Amino acid sequence: MRIGNREFDVEHHTYVMGILNVTPDSFSDGGRWNELDRALFHVETMAEEGADLVDIGGESTRPGYAAISQEEEIERVAPVIEAVRSRFDLPVSLDTYKAAVARAGIEAGADMINDIWGLKHDAEMAKVIAASGLPCCLMHNRAKADYADLMQEVASDLAQSLQIAARAGIAEDKIILDPGVGFGKTYGQNLEVLYSLEELKALGCPVLLGASRKSVVGLTLDLPVEQRLEGTLVTTVFAVLKGCSFVRVHDVKENVRAIRMTEAILGAGSGSGR
């Protein structure tokens, strides 16, 4: 899969997507990187630590978040995307579910769109992505955590997103799927998703896991956001073992090392990696 100027071997390696929240209220690092100089410093740090791409978000999507206008979101993300693209040789993903923001981000230089509603929130989103020819990440989400058969319904919901993408003309080889840990799921359901990640590969697309510092880690270990690194690393190791192609994380260096070690062990056992 090609994202920006890089080819990603999504069959044989797990890549690290570093998180850049240019927001005042994100659950983990709100307010830390929402000034341009600090944002660029953080991207530089993530690049040095081994990030393969960076995901820029301008609106918090934590539980109970306050939605902002598309104009405000564009004002937050567009200058950062432009600055990152001009200074770093690193593919840039834009985290948004609004078509107008996606369009502005693409014009600013975004290489990928990451939609937490899997093309289901804004009817224009699929058209915008298709017209750009860019890859996208489509995440599973629901308004309520109400399931009769969790993994079957997660897969079914993601299949609907794939159908929307196909109707708009988005090529299947440009799509990554995200099971949506922490979105529309209870604590127990999030654990089940983490355990069953490999089931989503049947949909035929690379899988991205975004579990970094999330509540499933905090509730399991009874720890605040700033102490969830070790728990996050376990989810990353599971992502490698289950065949995920990407992990979206806050702590790049540590997750890069965890992936490298896990893949080395798997490679020793199989002779060729996973």
Protein backbone atom coordinates (compact mmCIF):
# COMPACT_ATOMS: atom_id res chain seq x y z
CA MET A 1 0.00 0.00 0.00
CA ARG A 2 1.28 3.43 -0.94
CA ILE A 3 0.69 6.33 1.47
CA GLY A 4 2.30 9.59 0.45
CA ASN A 5 5.80 8.88 -0.81
CA ARG A 6 6.15 5.55 1.00
CA GLU A 7 5.30 1.96 0.19
CA PHE A 8 4.00 -0.01 3.17
CA ASP A 9 4.39 -3.79 3.24
CA VAL A 10 1.11 -4.41 5.03
CA GLU A 11 1.46 -8.20 4.83
CA HIS A 12 4.74 -8.57 6.68
CA HIS A 13 5.24 -5.67 9.08
CA THR A 14 3.40 -3.60 11.67
CA TYR A 15 3.95 0.15 11.20
CA VAL A 16 3.68 2.93 13.76
CA MET A 17 1.35 5.87 13.24
CA GLY A 18 2.26 8.65 15.66
CA ILE A 19 -0.56 10.76 17.09
CA LEU A 20 -0.52 14.55 16.86
CA ASN A 21 -3.54 16.14 18.52
CA VAL A 22 -3.68 19.86 17.79
CA THR A 23 -6.53 20.28 20.25
CA PRO A 24 -6.97 21.83 23.69
CA ASP A 25 -9.05 18.95 25.04
CA SER A 26 -7.94 15.53 23.77
CA PHE A 27 -8.17 12.87 26.49
CA SER A 28 -4.44 12.15 26.70
CA ASP A 29 -2.48 15.18 25.54
CA GLY A 30 -4.93 18.01 24.98
CA GLY A 31 -3.23 21.40 24.87
CA ARG A 32 0.32 20.03 24.61
CA TRP A 33 0.80 20.36 20.85
CA ASN A 34 -1.85 22.86 19.69
CA GLU A 35 0.65 25.61 18.92
CA LEU A 36 2.51 25.25 15.60
CA ASP A 37 6.06 25.31 16.97
CA ARG A 38 5.26 22.72 19.62
CA ALA A 39 3.40 20.58 17.08
CA LEU A 40 6.41 20.59 14.76
CA PHE A 41 8.74 19.77 17.63
CA HIS A 42 6.57 16.77 18.49
CA VAL A 43 6.54 15.56 14.90
CA GLU A 44 10.33 15.87 14.79
CA THR A 45 10.57 13.80 17.96
CA MET A 46 8.21 11.13 16.62
CA ALA A 47 10.14 10.96 13.34
CA GLU A 48 13.42 10.50 15.21
CA GLU A 49 11.85 7.77 17.34
CA GLY A 50 10.80 5.78 14.28
CA ALA A 51 7.24 6.83 13.39
CA ASP A 52 6.29 5.65 9.90
CA LEU A 53 3.52 8.22 9.49
CA VAL A 54 1.74 10.83 11.60
CA ASP A 55 -1.99 11.27 12.23
CA ILE A 56 -3.11 14.87 12.79
CA GLY A 57 -6.41 15.58 14.53
CA GLY A 58 -8.07 18.90 15.22
CA GLU A 59 -11.13 17.80 17.20
CA SER A 60 -11.14 15.67 20.31
CA THR A 61 -13.21 12.49 19.97
CA ARG A 62 -12.91 11.38 23.57
CA PRO A 63 -16.14 10.27 25.31
CA GLY A 64 -18.32 13.32 25.92
CA TYR A 65 -16.28 15.52 23.59
CA ALA A 66 -17.57 18.91 22.46
CA ALA A 67 -17.95 19.10 18.71
CA ILE A 68 -16.48 22.12 16.96
CA SER A 69 -17.35 23.76 13.65
CA GLN A 70 -15.68 22.59 10.47
CA GLU A 71 -14.22 26.07 10.06
CA GLU A 72 -12.49 25.90 13.44
CA GLU A 73 -11.24 22.40 12.74
CA ILE A 74 -9.80 23.51 9.39
CA GLU A 75 -8.07 26.45 11.07
CA ARG A 76 -6.44 24.04 13.49
CA VAL A 77 -5.25 21.35 11.10
CA ALA A 78 -4.54 22.93 7.70
CA PRO A 79 -1.54 25.05 8.77
CA VAL A 80 -0.06 22.12 10.67
CA ILE A 81 -0.44 19.76 7.71
CA GLU A 82 1.24 22.30 5.43
CA ALA A 83 4.08 22.85 7.89
CA VAL A 84 4.67 19.14 8.50
CA ARG A 85 4.68 18.37 4.78
CA SER A 86 7.18 21.16 4.10
CA ARG A 87 9.58 20.12 6.86
CA PHE A 88 9.42 16.34 7.18
CA ASP A 89 9.62 13.35 4.86
CA LEU A 90 6.78 11.62 6.66
CA PRO A 91 3.32 10.69 5.31
CA VAL A 92 0.52 12.69 6.93
CA SER A 93 -2.89 11.30 7.84
CA LEU A 94 -5.77 13.62 8.73
CA ASP A 95 -8.13 12.43 11.46
CA THR A 96 -11.58 13.83 10.61
CA TYR A 97 -15.11 12.67 9.84
CA LYS A 98 -16.16 15.90 8.09
CA ALA A 99 -15.96 16.15 4.30
CA ALA A 100 -15.18 19.87 4.27
CA VAL A 101 -12.28 19.36 6.67
CA ALA A 102 -11.02 16.43 4.63
CA ARG A 103 -11.15 18.52 1.46
CA ALA A 104 -9.19 21.35 3.10
CA GLY A 105 -6.70 18.90 4.56
CA ILE A 106 -6.12 17.28 1.19
CA GLU A 107 -5.51 20.72 -0.33
CA ALA A 108 -3.03 21.38 2.48
CA GLY A 109 -1.13 18.21 1.63
CA ALA A 110 -2.64 15.33 3.62
CA ASP A 111 -1.71 11.90 2.27
CA MET A 112 -4.54 9.94 3.89
CA ILE A 113 -7.91 10.45 5.59
CA ASN A 114 -8.74 8.69 8.87
CA ASP A 115 -12.52 8.67 9.41
CA ILE A 116 -13.74 7.51 12.84
CA TRP A 117 -17.26 7.03 11.47
CA GLY A 118 -16.28 4.85 8.51
CA LEU A 119 -17.86 7.18 5.89
CA LYS A 120 -21.23 7.04 7.67
CA HIS A 121 -21.35 10.47 9.33
CA ASP A 122 -20.97 12.75 6.31
CA ALA A 123 -22.49 11.63 3.02
CA GLU A 124 -19.91 13.65 1.08
CA MET A 125 -16.85 12.09 2.71
CA ALA A 126 -16.60 9.07 0.41
CA LYS A 127 -16.85 11.32 -2.67
CA VAL A 128 -14.11 13.62 -1.38
CA ILE A 129 -11.75 10.72 -0.71
CA ALA A 130 -12.54 9.05 -4.03
CA ALA A 131 -11.90 12.25 -5.96
CA SER A 132 -8.53 12.70 -4.24
CA GLY A 133 -7.34 9.17 -5.00
CA LEU A 134 -5.86 9.02 -1.51
CA PRO A 135 -5.95 6.03 0.85
CA CYS A 136 -8.20 6.10 3.89
CA CYS A 137 -8.69 4.42 7.24
CA LEU A 138 -12.30 3.52 8.03
CA MET A 139 -13.08 2.93 11.69
CA HIS A 140 -15.92 1.01 13.28
CA ASN A 141 -18.20 3.12 15.44
CA ARG A 142 -21.71 3.05 16.86
CA ALA A 143 -23.78 5.47 18.87
CA LYS A 144 -24.61 2.73 21.41
CA ALA A 145 -22.74 -0.36 22.59
CA ASP A 146 -25.63 -2.70 21.79
CA TYR A 147 -24.64 -5.98 20.13
CA ALA A 148 -26.06 -9.49 19.88
CA ASP A 149 -22.82 -10.87 18.37
CA LEU A 150 -20.01 -8.36 18.79
CA MET A 151 -17.38 -9.43 16.28
CA GLN A 152 -19.89 -10.48 13.65
CA GLU A 153 -21.57 -7.08 13.90
CA VAL A 154 -18.30 -5.16 13.92
CA ALA A 155 -17.33 -7.00 10.72
CA SER A 156 -20.77 -6.39 9.23
CA ASP A 157 -20.65 -2.67 10.05
CA LEU A 158 -17.18 -2.38 8.49
CA ALA A 159 -18.42 -4.26 5.42
CA GLN A 160 -21.08 -1.55 5.07
CA SER A 161 -18.32 1.07 5.12
CA LEU A 162 -16.54 -0.87 2.39
CA GLN A 163 -19.73 -0.86 0.33
CA ILE A 164 -20.05 2.92 0.70
CA ALA A 165 -16.43 3.26 -0.38
CA ALA A 166 -16.93 1.01 -3.40
CA ARG A 167 -20.01 2.90 -4.56
CA ALA A 168 -18.06 6.17 -4.40
CA GLY A 169 -15.14 4.72 -6.34
CA ILE A 170 -12.56 4.24 -3.59
CA ALA A 171 -10.33 1.33 -4.55
CA GLU A 172 -10.25 -1.48 -2.01
CA ASP A 173 -6.45 -1.51 -2.06
CA LYS A 174 -6.51 2.03 -0.66
CA ILE A 175 -8.51 1.12 2.46
CA ILE A 176 -7.36 0.33 6.00
CA LEU A 177 -9.88 -0.84 8.60
CA ASP A 178 -9.90 0.04 12.31
CA PRO A 179 -12.05 -1.97 14.77
CA GLY A 180 -12.67 1.16 16.85
CA VAL A 181 -11.42 0.23 20.30
CA GLY A 182 -12.94 2.74 22.72
CA PHE A 183 -15.77 3.76 20.39
CA GLY A 184 -19.30 2.44 20.81
CA LYS A 185 -18.15 -0.46 22.97
CA THR A 186 -18.14 -1.39 26.64
CA TYR A 187 -15.01 -2.29 28.56
CA GLY A 188 -15.60 -6.02 28.06
CA GLN A 189 -16.36 -5.55 24.39
CA ASN A 190 -13.10 -3.64 23.88
CA LEU A 191 -11.19 -6.56 25.40
CA GLU A 192 -13.02 -8.98 23.10
CA VAL A 193 -12.13 -6.89 20.06
CA LEU A 194 -8.47 -6.89 21.08
CA TYR A 195 -8.54 -10.66 21.49
CA SER A 196 -10.25 -11.22 18.12
CA LEU A 197 -8.40 -8.75 15.87
CA GLU A 198 -7.40 -11.39 13.35
CA GLU A 199 -11.06 -11.99 12.44
CA LEU A 200 -11.22 -8.62 10.70
CA LYS A 201 -8.56 -9.61 8.19
CA ALA A 202 -11.24 -11.70 6.47
CA LEU A 203 -12.60 -8.42 5.10
CA GLY A 204 -9.53 -8.23 2.89
CA CYS A 205 -8.01 -4.94 4.06
CA PRO A 206 -5.07 -4.09 6.32
CA VAL A 207 -6.07 -3.51 9.94
CA LEU A 208 -5.04 -0.61 12.16
CA LEU A 209 -5.29 -0.82 15.94
CA GLY A 210 -5.75 2.36 17.97
CA ALA A 211 -5.71 1.40 21.65
CA SER A 212 -3.01 3.74 22.93
CA ARG A 213 -3.67 4.94 26.50
CA LYS A 214 -7.39 4.25 26.11
CA SER A 215 -9.88 3.48 28.85
CA VAL A 216 -9.66 -0.28 28.29
CA VAL A 217 -6.06 -0.03 29.50
CA GLY A 218 -6.89 2.36 32.33
CA LEU A 219 -9.79 0.24 33.60
CA THR A 220 -7.84 -3.00 33.42
CA LEU A 221 -4.84 -1.64 35.32
CA ASP A 222 -6.65 1.04 37.35
CA LEU A 223 -4.27 3.68 36.08
CA PRO A 224 -4.59 7.29 34.88
CA VAL A 225 -3.86 8.26 31.28
CA GLU A 226 -0.24 9.21 31.90
CA GLN A 227 0.57 5.74 33.34
CA ARG A 228 -0.82 3.51 30.59
CA LEU A 229 2.32 2.88 28.55
CA GLU A 230 2.92 -0.73 29.60
CA GLY A 231 -0.70 -1.66 28.97
CA THR A 232 -0.56 0.00 25.57
CA LEU A 233 2.58 -1.96 24.69
CA VAL A 234 0.72 -5.20 25.38
CA THR A 235 -2.00 -4.18 22.93
CA THR A 236 0.69 -3.41 20.36
CA VAL A 237 2.27 -6.84 20.80
CA PHE A 238 -1.19 -8.36 20.34
CA ALA A 239 -1.59 -6.27 17.18
CA VAL A 240 1.60 -7.81 15.76
CA LEU A 241 0.60 -11.32 16.78
CA LYS A 242 -2.86 -10.89 15.24
CA GLY A 243 -1.49 -9.56 11.95
CA CYS A 244 -2.37 -5.88 12.19
CA SER A 245 -0.51 -3.65 9.74
CA PHE A 246 -0.57 -0.43 11.79
CA VAL A 247 -0.81 0.76 15.37
CA ARG A 248 -1.80 4.33 16.20
CA VAL A 249 0.07 5.41 19.33
CA HIS A 250 1.17 8.33 21.51
CA ASP A 251 4.50 6.84 22.64
CA VAL A 252 6.38 6.12 19.43
CA LYS A 253 9.81 5.01 20.63
CA GLU A 254 8.56 2.38 23.04
CA ASN A 255 6.02 0.95 20.60
CA VAL A 256 8.60 0.78 17.80
CA ARG A 257 10.86 -1.24 20.10
CA ALA A 258 8.03 -3.55 21.16
CA ILE A 259 7.15 -4.26 17.53
CA ARG A 260 10.78 -4.87 16.58
CA MET A 261 11.22 -7.37 19.41
CA THR A 262 7.95 -9.17 18.69
CA GLU A 263 8.68 -9.45 14.99
CA ALA A 264 12.19 -10.73 15.70
CA ILE A 265 10.80 -13.56 17.83
CA LEU A 266 8.15 -14.40 15.24
CA GLY A 267 10.79 -14.36 12.52
CA ALA A 268 12.99 -16.77 14.46
CA GLY A 269 10.07 -19.15 14.79
CA SER A 270 8.90 -19.09 11.20
CA GLY A 271 12.02 -18.16 9.33
CA SER A 272 10.20 -15.37 7.51
CA GLY A 273 8.18 -13.38 10.02
CA ARG A 274 4.41 -13.52 10.15
